[in-house]
PDB file of N, CA and C in Angstrom:
ATOM      1  N   MET A   1       0.755  -1.013   0.122  1.00  0.00           N
ATOM      2  CA  MET A   1      -0.065  -0.140   0.123  1.00  0.00           C
ATOM      3  C   MET A   1       0.982   1.293  -0.177  1.00  0.00           C
ATOM      4  N   ARG A   2       0.589   1.848  -0.840  1.00  0.00           N
ATOM      5  CA  ARG A   2       1.071   3.373  -0.850  1.00  0.00           C
ATOM      6  C   ARG A   2       0.112   4.386  -0.971  1.00  0.00           C
ATOM      7  N   GLU A   3       0.064   5.832  -0.003  1.00  0.00           N
ATOM      8  CA  GLU A   3      -0.209   6.692  -0.045  1.00  0.00           C
ATOM      9  C   GLU A   3       0.074   8.110  -0.072  1.00  0.00           C
ATOM     10  N   THR A   4      -0.419   8.559  -1.175  1.00  0.00           N
ATOM     11  CA  THR A   4       0.482  10.073  -1.712  1.00  0.00           C
ATOM     12  C   THR A   4      -0.590  11.218  -1.555  1.00  0.00           C
ATOM     13  N   LYS A   5      -0.146  12.195  -1.056  1.00  0.00           N
ATOM     14  CA  LYS A   5      -0.761  13.721  -0.674  1.00  0.00           C
ATOM     15  C   LYS A   5      -0.150  14.891  -1.362  1.00  0.00           C
ATOM     16  N   LYS A   6      -0.677  15.750  -1.908  1.00  0.00           N
ATOM     17  CA  LYS A   6      -0.155  16.798  -1.997  1.00  0.00           C
ATOM     18  C   LYS A   6      -0.366  17.972  -1.443  1.00  0.00           C
ATOM     19  N   TRP A   7       0.352  18.623  -0.755  1.00  0.00           N
ATOM     20  CA  TRP A   7       0.137  19.874  -0.097  1.00  0.00           C
ATOM     21  C   TRP A   7       0.607  21.286  -0.944  1.00  0.00           C
ATOM     22  N   ARG A   8       0.409  22.622  -0.289  1.00  0.00           N
ATOM     23  CA  ARG A   8       0.570  23.588  -0.564  1.00  0.00           C
ATOM     24  C   ARG A   8       1.143  24.066   1.099  1.00  0.00           C
ATOM     25  N   ILE A   9       2.503  24.536   1.612  1.00  0.00           N
ATOM     26  CA  ILE A   9       2.824  24.751   2.544  1.00  0.00           C
ATOM     27  C   ILE A   9       3.186  26.597   2.448  1.00  0.00           C
ATOM     28  N   ASP A  10       2.813  26.801   3.687  1.00  0.00           N
ATOM     29  CA  ASP A  10       3.966  28.312   4.038  1.00  0.00           C
ATOM     30  C   ASP A  10       4.348  27.903   4.945  1.00  0.00           C
ATOM     31  N   TYR A  11       5.678  28.713   4.942  1.00  0.00           N
ATOM     32  CA  TYR A  11       6.888  28.346   5.843  1.00  0.00           C
ATOM     33  C   TYR A  11       7.334  30.068   5.848  1.00  0.00           C
ATOM     34  N   ASP A  12       7.792  30.229   7.070  1.00  0.00           N
ATOM     35  CA  ASP A  12       8.346  31.164   7.379  1.00  0.00           C
ATOM     36  C   ASP A  12       9.538  31.012   8.565  1.00  0.00           C
ATOM     37  N   HIS A  13      11.079  30.923   8.219  1.00  0.00           N
ATOM     38  CA  HIS A  13      12.268  30.522   9.427  1.00  0.00           C
ATOM     39  C   HIS A  13      12.190  32.083   9.839  1.00  0.00           C
ATOM     40  N   LYS A  14      13.157  31.473  10.650  1.00  0.00           N
ATOM     41  CA  LYS A  14      14.055  33.045  11.189  1.00  0.00           C
ATOM     42  C   LYS A  14      14.704  33.178  10.473  1.00  0.00           C
ATOM     43  N   ASP A  15      15.383  32.681  10.198  1.00  0.00           N
ATOM     44  CA  ASP A  15      16.992  33.298   9.273  1.00  0.00           C
ATOM     45  C   ASP A  15      16.361  33.859   7.918  1.00  0.00           C
ATOM     46  N   GLY A  16      15.240  34.246   7.876  1.00  0.00           N
ATOM     47  CA  GLY A  16      15.010  34.891   6.629  1.00  0.00           C
ATOM     48  C   GLY A  16      13.778  34.511   5.736  1.00  0.00           C
ATOM     49  N   ARG A  17      14.297  32.990   5.300  1.00  0.00           N
ATOM     50  CA  ARG A  17      13.608  31.571   4.299  1.00  0.00           C
ATOM     51  C   ARG A  17      11.965  31.937   4.455  1.00  0.00           C
ATOM     52  N   HIS A  18      11.181  32.667   3.489  1.00  0.00           N
ATOM     53  CA  HIS A  18       9.776  32.617   3.925  1.00  0.00           C
ATOM     54  C   HIS A  18       9.226  32.108   2.275  1.00  0.00           C
ATOM     55  N   GLY A  19       8.099  31.762   2.645  1.00  0.00           N
ATOM     56  CA  GLY A  19       7.209  31.893   1.065  1.00  0.00           C
ATOM     57  C   GLY A  19       6.282  30.375   1.221  1.00  0.00           C
ATOM     58  N   THR A  20       6.348  30.255   0.172  1.00  0.00           N
ATOM     59  CA  THR A  20       4.851  29.192  -0.262  1.00  0.00           C
ATOM     60  C   THR A  20       5.706  27.682  -1.492  1.00  0.00           C
ATOM     61  N   MET A  21       5.111  27.000  -1.170  1.00  0.00           N
ATOM     62  CA  MET A  21       5.463  26.177  -2.205  1.00  0.00           C
ATOM     63  C   MET A  21       4.480  24.620  -2.361  1.00  0.00           C
ATOM     64  N   GLU A  22       4.802  24.044  -3.160  1.00  0.00           N
ATOM     65  CA  GLU A  22       3.536  22.551  -3.411  1.00  0.00           C
ATOM     66  C   GLU A  22       5.071  21.466  -2.673  1.00  0.00           C
ATOM     67  N   VAL A  23       4.394  20.866  -2.051  1.00  0.00           N
ATOM     68  CA  VAL A  23       5.235  19.344  -1.904  1.00  0.00           C
ATOM     69  C   VAL A  23       4.020  18.041  -2.050  1.00  0.00           C
ATOM     70  N   THR A  24       5.034  16.881  -1.733  1.00  0.00           N
ATOM     71  CA  THR A  24       4.135  15.831  -2.020  1.00  0.00           C
ATOM     72  C   THR A  24       4.790  14.808  -1.032  1.00  0.00           C
ATOM     73  N   THR A  25       4.111  14.274  -0.250  1.00  0.00           N
ATOM     74  CA  THR A  25       4.215  13.488   0.982  1.00  0.00           C
ATOM     75  C   THR A  25       3.686  11.967   0.626  1.00  0.00           C
ATOM     76  N   GLU A  26       4.514  11.113   1.140  1.00  0.00           N
ATOM     77  CA  GLU A  26       4.124   9.578   0.439  1.00  0.00           C
ATOM     78  C   GLU A  26       4.785   8.814   1.607  1.00  0.00           C
ATOM     79  N   ILE A  27       3.566   7.991   2.326  1.00  0.00           N
ATOM     80  CA  ILE A  27       3.639   6.724   3.349  1.00  0.00           C
ATOM     81  C   ILE A  27       3.511   5.563   2.541  1.00  0.00           C
ATOM     82  N   GLY A  28       3.945   4.483   3.186  1.00  0.00           N
ATOM     83  CA  GLY A  28       4.390   3.138   2.325  1.00  0.00           C
ATOM     84  C   GLY A  28       4.494   2.052   3.266  1.00  0.00           C
ATOM     85  N   ASP A  29       4.139   0.969   3.004  1.00  0.00           N
ATOM     86  CA  ASP A  29       4.593  -0.345   3.906  1.00  0.00           C
ATOM     87  C   ASP A  29       5.686  -0.482   2.815  1.00  0.00           C
ATOM     88  N   SER A  30       6.759  -0.759   3.948  1.00  0.00           N
ATOM     89  CA  SER A  30       8.046  -1.287   3.516  1.00  0.00           C
ATOM     90  C   SER A  30       8.376  -2.824   3.300  1.00  0.00           C
ATOM     91  N   THR A  31       9.322  -2.947   2.496  1.00  0.00           N
ATOM     92  CA  THR A  31       9.321  -4.431   2.282  1.00  0.00           C
ATOM     93  C   THR A  31      10.819  -4.621   3.157  1.00  0.00           C
ATOM     94  N   LEU A  32      11.199  -3.724   3.146  1.00  0.00           N
ATOM     95  CA  LEU A  32      12.433  -4.219   4.268  1.00  0.00           C
ATOM     96  C   LEU A  32      12.540  -4.494   5.689  1.00  0.00           C
ATOM     97  N   PHE A  33      11.683  -4.312   6.516  1.00  0.00           N
ATOM     98  CA  PHE A  33      11.516  -4.211   7.626  1.00  0.00           C
ATOM     99  C   PHE A  33      10.080  -4.640   7.975  1.00  0.00           C
ATOM    100  N   GLN A  34       9.992  -5.708   8.905  1.00  0.00           N
ATOM    101  CA  GLN A  34       8.392  -6.112   9.694  1.00  0.00           C
ATOM    102  C   GLN A  34       8.265  -5.959  10.881  1.00  0.00           C
ATOM    103  N   TYR A  35       8.897  -4.956  11.280  1.00  0.00           N
ATOM    104  CA  TYR A  35       8.291  -4.503  12.910  1.00  0.00           C
ATOM    105  C   TYR A  35       7.643  -3.424  13.216  1.00  0.00           C
ATOM    106  N   GLY A  36       7.552  -2.683  14.516  1.00  0.00           N
ATOM    107  CA  GLY A  36       6.704  -1.493  14.494  1.00  0.00           C
ATOM    108  C   GLY A  36       5.588  -1.436  13.339  1.00  0.00           C
ATOM    109  N   ASN A  37       5.383  -0.197  12.967  1.00  0.00           N
ATOM    110  CA  ASN A  37       4.016  -0.346  11.923  1.00  0.00           C
ATOM    111  C   ASN A  37       4.619  -0.647  10.509  1.00  0.00           C
ATOM    112  N   GLY A  38       5.801  -0.731  10.517  1.00  0.00           N
ATOM    113  CA  GLY A  38       5.954  -1.359   9.010  1.00  0.00           C
ATOM    114  C   GLY A  38       6.184   0.131   8.046  1.00  0.00           C
ATOM    115  N   LYS A  39       5.488   1.065   8.372  1.00  0.00           N
ATOM    116  CA  LYS A  39       6.058   2.398   7.597  1.00  0.00           C
ATOM    117  C   LYS A  39       6.999   2.958   7.250  1.00  0.00           C
ATOM    118  N   TYR A  40       7.067   3.515   6.171  1.00  0.00           N
ATOM    119  CA  TYR A  40       7.855   4.425   5.521  1.00  0.00           C
ATOM    120  C   TYR A  40       6.873   5.360   5.434  1.00  0.00           C
ATOM    121  N   GLY A  41       8.415   6.643   5.043  1.00  0.00           N
ATOM    122  CA  GLY A  41       7.664   7.856   4.258  1.00  0.00           C
ATOM    123  C   GLY A  41       9.032   8.880   3.419  1.00  0.00           C
ATOM    124  N   ALA A  42       8.144   9.602   2.783  1.00  0.00           N
ATOM    125  CA  ALA A  42       9.437  10.509   1.795  1.00  0.00           C
ATOM    126  C   ALA A  42       8.408  11.617   1.738  1.00  0.00           C
ATOM    127  N   ILE A  43       9.307  12.971   1.446  1.00  0.00           N
ATOM    128  CA  ILE A  43       8.879  14.086   1.031  1.00  0.00           C
ATOM    129  C   ILE A  43       9.510  14.430  -0.288  1.00  0.00           C
ATOM    130  N   PHE A  44       8.490  14.959  -1.050  1.00  0.00           N
ATOM    131  CA  PHE A  44       9.523  15.667  -2.532  1.00  0.00           C
ATOM    132  C   PHE A  44       8.999  16.900  -2.217  1.00  0.00           C
ATOM    133  N   CYS A  45      10.053  17.732  -3.047  1.00  0.00           N
ATOM    134  CA  CYS A  45      10.190  18.779  -3.167  1.00  0.00           C
ATOM    135  C   CYS A  45      10.643  18.897  -4.603  1.00  0.00           C
ATOM    136  N   ASP A  46      10.303  19.694  -5.587  1.00  0.00           N
ATOM    137  CA  ASP A  46      11.087  20.170  -6.666  1.00  0.00           C
ATOM    138  C   ASP A  46      11.846  18.784  -7.159  1.00  0.00           C
ATOM    139  N   ASP A  47      13.330  18.889  -7.062  1.00  0.00           N
ATOM    140  CA  ASP A  47      14.388  17.698  -7.632  1.00  0.00           C
ATOM    141  C   ASP A  47      14.693  17.019  -6.081  1.00  0.00           C
ATOM    142  N   PHE A  48      14.188  17.549  -4.797  1.00  0.00           N
ATOM    143  CA  PHE A  48      14.458  16.741  -3.986  1.00  0.00           C
ATOM    144  C   PHE A  48      13.660  16.044  -2.936  1.00  0.00           C
ATOM    145  N   GLU A  49      14.373  14.711  -2.689  1.00  0.00           N
ATOM    146  CA  GLU A  49      13.531  13.888  -1.868  1.00  0.00           C
ATOM    147  C   GLU A  49      14.243  13.318  -0.661  1.00  0.00           C
ATOM    148  N   GLN A  50      13.386  13.541   0.486  1.00  0.00           N
ATOM    149  CA  GLN A  50      14.098  12.501   1.415  1.00  0.00           C
ATOM    150  C   GLN A  50      12.870  12.048   2.397  1.00  0.00           C
ATOM    151  N   GLY A  51      13.836  10.741   2.686  1.00  0.00           N
ATOM    152  CA  GLY A  51      12.950   9.020   3.102  1.00  0.00           C
ATOM    153  C   GLY A  51      12.937   9.820   4.769  1.00  0.00           C
ATOM    154  N   TYR A  52      11.796   8.828   4.895  1.00  0.00           N
ATOM    155  CA  TYR A  52      11.622   8.876   7.014  1.00  0.00           C
ATOM    156  C   TYR A  52      11.383   7.320   7.309  1.00  0.00           C
ATOM    157  N   ASP A  53      11.995   6.798   8.305  1.00  0.00           N
ATOM    158  CA  ASP A  53      11.971   6.076   8.695  1.00  0.00           C
ATOM    159  C   ASP A  53      10.184   5.951   9.722  1.00  0.00           C
ATOM    160  N   LEU A  54       9.317   5.460   9.489  1.00  0.00           N
ATOM    161  CA  LEU A  54       8.473   5.639  10.452  1.00  0.00           C
ATOM    162  C   LEU A  54       8.023   4.747  11.361  1.00  0.00           C
ATOM    163  N   ARG A  55       8.604   3.730  11.848  1.00  0.00           N
ATOM    164  CA  ARG A  55       8.389   2.467  12.099  1.00  0.00           C
ATOM    165  C   ARG A  55       8.072   2.928  13.623  1.00  0.00           C
ATOM    166  N   TYR A  56       8.332   3.273  14.470  1.00  0.00           N
ATOM    167  CA  TYR A  56       7.911   4.074  15.968  1.00  0.00           C
ATOM    168  C   TYR A  56       7.066   4.718  15.645  1.00  0.00           C
ATOM    169  N   CYS A  57       6.832   5.475  15.083  1.00  0.00           N
ATOM    170  CA  CYS A  57       5.704   6.596  15.204  1.00  0.00           C
ATOM    171  C   CYS A  57       3.793   6.384  15.333  1.00  0.00           C
ATOM    172  N   ARG A  58       3.792   6.645  16.239  1.00  0.00           N
ATOM    173  CA  ARG A  58       2.292   6.178  16.731  1.00  0.00           C
ATOM    174  C   ARG A  58       1.429   7.137  16.342  1.00  0.00           C
ATOM    175  N   SER A  59       1.707   8.735  15.932  1.00  0.00           N
ATOM    176  CA  SER A  59       0.851   9.284  15.014  1.00  0.00           C
ATOM    177  C   SER A  59      -0.096   8.846  14.365  1.00  0.00           C
ATOM    178  N   LYS A  60      -1.327   9.185  14.081  1.00  0.00           N
ATOM    179  CA  LYS A  60      -2.123   8.714  13.372  1.00  0.00           C
ATOM    180  C   LYS A  60      -2.390   9.579  11.879  1.00  0.00           C
ATOM    181  N   ASP A  61      -1.654  10.371  12.088  1.00  0.00           N
ATOM    182  CA  ASP A  61      -1.222  11.199  10.715  1.00  0.00           C
ATOM    183  C   ASP A  61       0.204  11.609  10.195  1.00  0.00           C
ATOM    184  N   LEU A  62       0.790  10.246   9.711  1.00  0.00           N
ATOM    185  CA  LEU A  62       2.194  10.185   9.134  1.00  0.00           C
ATOM    186  C   LEU A  62       2.285  11.332   7.856  1.00  0.00           C
ATOM    187  N   HIS A  63       1.733  11.627   7.387  1.00  0.00           N
ATOM    188  CA  HIS A  63       2.037  12.663   6.491  1.00  0.00           C
ATOM    189  C   HIS A  63       2.359  14.029   7.283  1.00  0.00           C
ATOM    190  N   ARG A  64       1.708  14.289   7.746  1.00  0.00           N
ATOM    191  CA  ARG A  64       1.681  15.972   9.134  1.00  0.00           C
ATOM    192  C   ARG A  64       3.094  15.067   9.947  1.00  0.00           C
ATOM    193  N   VAL A  65       3.395  14.502  10.258  1.00  0.00           N
ATOM    194  CA  VAL A  65       4.402  14.046  11.147  1.00  0.00           C
ATOM    195  C   VAL A  65       5.812  14.232  10.164  1.00  0.00           C
ATOM    196  N   ILE A  66       5.763  14.180   8.725  1.00  0.00           N
ATOM    197  CA  ILE A  66       6.792  14.198   7.890  1.00  0.00           C
ATOM    198  C   ILE A  66       6.769  15.970   7.644  1.00  0.00           C
ATOM    199  N   LEU A  67       5.891  16.358   7.416  1.00  0.00           N
ATOM    200  CA  LEU A  67       5.813  18.177   7.402  1.00  0.00           C
ATOM    201  C   LEU A  67       6.488  18.912   8.150  1.00  0.00           C
ATOM    202  N   ASP A  68       6.119  18.450   9.536  1.00  0.00           N
ATOM    203  CA  ASP A  68       6.475  18.836  10.885  1.00  0.00           C
ATOM    204  C   ASP A  68       8.114  18.674  11.023  1.00  0.00           C
ATOM    205  N   GLU A  69       8.354  17.409  10.549  1.00  0.00           N
ATOM    206  CA  GLU A  69      10.061  17.210  10.458  1.00  0.00           C
ATOM    207  C   GLU A  69      10.734  18.228   9.694  1.00  0.00           C
ATOM    208  N   PHE A  70      10.329  17.774   8.557  1.00  0.00           N
ATOM    209  CA  PHE A  70      10.908  18.754   7.449  1.00  0.00           C
ATOM    210  C   PHE A  70      11.109  20.295   7.908  1.00  0.00           C
ATOM    211  N   PHE A  71       9.803  21.223   7.955  1.00  0.00           N
ATOM    212  CA  PHE A  71       9.588  22.262   7.936  1.00  0.00           C
ATOM    213  C   PHE A  71      10.001  22.677   9.594  1.00  0.00           C
ATOM    214  N   GLY A  72      10.129  22.086  10.519  1.00  0.00           N
ATOM    215  CA  GLY A  72      10.107  22.331  12.010  1.00  0.00           C
ATOM    216  C   GLY A  72       8.916  23.479  12.327  1.00  0.00           C
ATOM    217  N   ASP A  73       9.956  24.212  12.538  1.00  0.00           N
ATOM    218  CA  ASP A  73       9.257  25.635  13.693  1.00  0.00           C
ATOM    219  C   ASP A  73       8.691  26.637  12.350  1.00  0.00           C
ATOM    220  N   GLY A  74       9.591  26.061  11.369  1.00  0.00           N
ATOM    221  CA  GLY A  74       9.173  27.584  10.435  1.00  0.00           C
ATOM    222  C   GLY A  74       7.750  27.116   9.298  1.00  0.00           C
ATOM    223  N   LEU A  75       7.280  26.128   9.961  1.00  0.00           N
ATOM    224  CA  LEU A  75       6.073  25.441   8.963  1.00  0.00           C
ATOM    225  C   LEU A  75       4.874  26.339  10.027  1.00  0.00           C
ATOM    226  N   VAL A  76       4.137  27.594   8.991  1.00  0.00           N
ATOM    227  CA  VAL A  76       2.740  28.459   9.178  1.00  0.00           C
ATOM    228  C   VAL A  76       1.693  27.667   8.600  1.00  0.00           C
ATOM    229  N   ARG A  77       1.191  27.119   7.981  1.00  0.00           N
ATOM    230  CA  ARG A  77       0.383  26.256   7.352  1.00  0.00           C
ATOM    231  C   ARG A  77       0.682  25.296   6.296  1.00  0.00           C
ATOM    232  N   ALA A  78      -0.253  24.137   6.560  1.00  0.00           N
ATOM    233  CA  ALA A  78      -0.408  22.874   5.247  1.00  0.00           C
ATOM    234  C   ALA A  78      -1.280  22.569   5.040  1.00  0.00           C
ATOM    235  N   THR A  79      -2.187  23.234   3.485  1.00  0.00           N
ATOM    236  CA  THR A  79      -3.043  22.594   2.870  1.00  0.00           C
ATOM    237  C   THR A  79      -3.064  21.613   1.884  1.00  0.00           C
ATOM    238  N   GLU A  80      -3.920  20.694   2.366  1.00  0.00           N
ATOM    239  CA  GLU A  80      -3.819  19.814   1.295  1.00  0.00           C
ATOM    240  C   GLU A  80      -4.647  20.389   0.062  1.00  0.00           C
ATOM    241  N   ILE A  81      -3.699  19.843  -1.050  1.00  0.00           N
ATOM    242  CA  ILE A  81      -4.233  20.040  -2.419  1.00  0.00           C
ATOM    243  C   ILE A  81      -4.616  18.700  -3.710  1.00  0.00           C
TER     244      ILE A  81
END
């Protein structure tokens, strides 16, 4: 199983980086490990991709976990599109 969501992100970091961008998050079942919740995640922004090990994450919204981890305190708003 693989679930993909597209987001419009508003971000504002204290170092001056700010703006709006579109990103995609993906959650899926890993074929590499069979413990924890068995989930992996990824975020895609333009030509950049970053993977996440979500095996021990208990959150119900794993997409939001990825967005929070990637943008940190700079995340202002995440709107699913």
